[in-house]
Amino acid sequence: MGSNARDLVALTNEAMSISITHKKSIIDTNTIWS
């Protein structure tokens, strides 16, 4: 159970960092094109 919770936290952190990076790249692209 403990390892499952840790894996879930790791997956959540990874997903968060990916979405943050993705949003940033979208913002950068919009800045370039505007």
N, C-alpha and C. Protein backbone atom coordinates (compact mmCIF):
# COMPACT_ATOMS: atom_id res chain seq x y z
N MET A 1 0.84 -1.20 0.00
CA MET A 1 0.00 0.00 0.00
C MET A 1 0.88 1.26 0.00
N GLY A 2 1.93 1.23 0.83
CA GLY A 2 2.80 2.41 0.91
C GLY A 2 3.46 2.72 -0.43
N SER A 3 3.94 1.66 -1.11
CA SER A 3 4.61 1.88 -2.40
C SER A 3 3.61 2.35 -3.45
N ASN A 4 2.38 1.87 -3.37
CA ASN A 4 1.35 2.30 -4.33
C ASN A 4 1.08 3.79 -4.17
N ALA A 5 0.99 4.25 -2.93
CA ALA A 5 0.75 5.67 -2.67
C ALA A 5 1.91 6.50 -3.20
N ARG A 6 3.12 5.99 -3.01
CA ARG A 6 4.31 6.71 -3.47
C ARG A 6 4.32 6.78 -4.99
N ASP A 7 3.96 5.67 -5.63
CA ASP A 7 3.89 5.65 -7.10
C ASP A 7 2.86 6.65 -7.60
N LEU A 8 1.72 6.72 -6.91
CA LEU A 8 0.66 7.64 -7.31
C LEU A 8 1.15 9.08 -7.22
N VAL A 9 1.85 9.40 -6.15
CA VAL A 9 2.40 10.75 -5.99
C VAL A 9 3.39 11.05 -7.10
N ALA A 10 4.24 10.08 -7.41
CA ALA A 10 5.24 10.27 -8.46
C ALA A 10 4.57 10.50 -9.81
N LEU A 11 3.54 9.71 -10.10
CA LEU A 11 2.81 9.85 -11.36
C LEU A 11 2.12 11.21 -11.43
N THR A 12 1.53 11.63 -10.31
CA THR A 12 0.85 12.92 -10.27
C THR A 12 1.84 14.05 -10.51
N ASN A 13 2.99 13.98 -9.84
CA ASN A 13 4.02 15.01 -10.02
C ASN A 13 4.48 15.06 -11.46
N GLU A 14 4.66 13.89 -12.06
CA GLU A 14 5.12 13.82 -13.45
C GLU A 14 4.07 14.44 -14.37
N ALA A 15 2.81 14.08 -14.16
CA ALA A 15 1.73 14.61 -14.99
C ALA A 15 1.64 16.13 -14.85
N MET A 16 1.80 16.61 -13.62
CA MET A 16 1.73 18.05 -13.38
C MET A 16 2.85 18.77 -14.11
N SER A 17 4.07 18.25 -14.00
CA SER A 17 5.21 18.91 -14.65
C SER A 17 5.07 18.87 -16.16
N ILE A 18 4.52 17.79 -16.69
CA ILE A 18 4.31 17.69 -18.14
C ILE A 18 3.28 18.73 -18.59
N SER A 19 2.17 18.85 -17.85
CA SER A 19 1.13 19.79 -18.25
C SER A 19 1.62 21.23 -18.11
N ILE A 20 2.44 21.49 -17.09
CA ILE A 20 2.99 22.83 -16.92
C ILE A 20 3.92 23.16 -18.08
N THR A 21 4.77 22.22 -18.46
CA THR A 21 5.69 22.42 -19.58
C THR A 21 4.90 22.62 -20.87
N HIS A 22 3.83 21.84 -21.03
CA HIS A 22 3.01 21.93 -22.24
C HIS A 22 2.33 23.29 -22.32
N LYS A 23 1.77 23.76 -21.20
CA LYS A 23 1.13 25.07 -21.18
C LYS A 23 2.13 26.16 -21.50
N LYS A 24 3.35 26.03 -20.95
CA LYS A 24 4.38 27.03 -21.18
C LYS A 24 4.74 27.08 -22.66
N SER A 25 4.85 25.92 -23.30
CA SER A 25 5.20 25.90 -24.72
C SER A 25 4.08 26.50 -25.56
N ILE A 26 2.83 26.29 -25.15
CA ILE A 26 1.70 26.89 -25.86
C ILE A 26 1.77 28.41 -25.73
N ILE A 27 2.07 28.90 -24.53
CA ILE A 27 2.19 30.34 -24.30
C ILE A 27 3.33 30.90 -25.14
N ASP A 28 4.47 30.22 -25.15
CA ASP A 28 5.62 30.67 -25.94
C ASP A 28 5.25 30.74 -27.42
N THR A 29 4.54 29.74 -27.92
CA THR A 29 4.14 29.72 -29.32
C THR A 29 3.20 30.88 -29.62
N ASN A 30 2.24 31.14 -28.73
CA ASN A 30 1.33 32.25 -28.93
C ASN A 30 2.08 33.58 -28.94
N THR A 31 3.09 33.69 -28.08
CA THR A 31 3.87 34.93 -28.03
C THR A 31 4.63 35.13 -29.33
N ILE A 32 5.18 34.06 -29.87
CA ILE A 32 5.94 34.14 -31.13
C ILE A 32 5.02 34.58 -32.27
N TRP A 33 3.81 34.02 -32.32
CA TRP A 33 2.93 34.27 -33.46
C TRP A 33 2.15 35.58 -33.36
N SER A 34 2.07 36.16 -32.15
CA SER A 34 1.25 37.36 -32.02
C SER A 34 2.05 38.63 -32.29
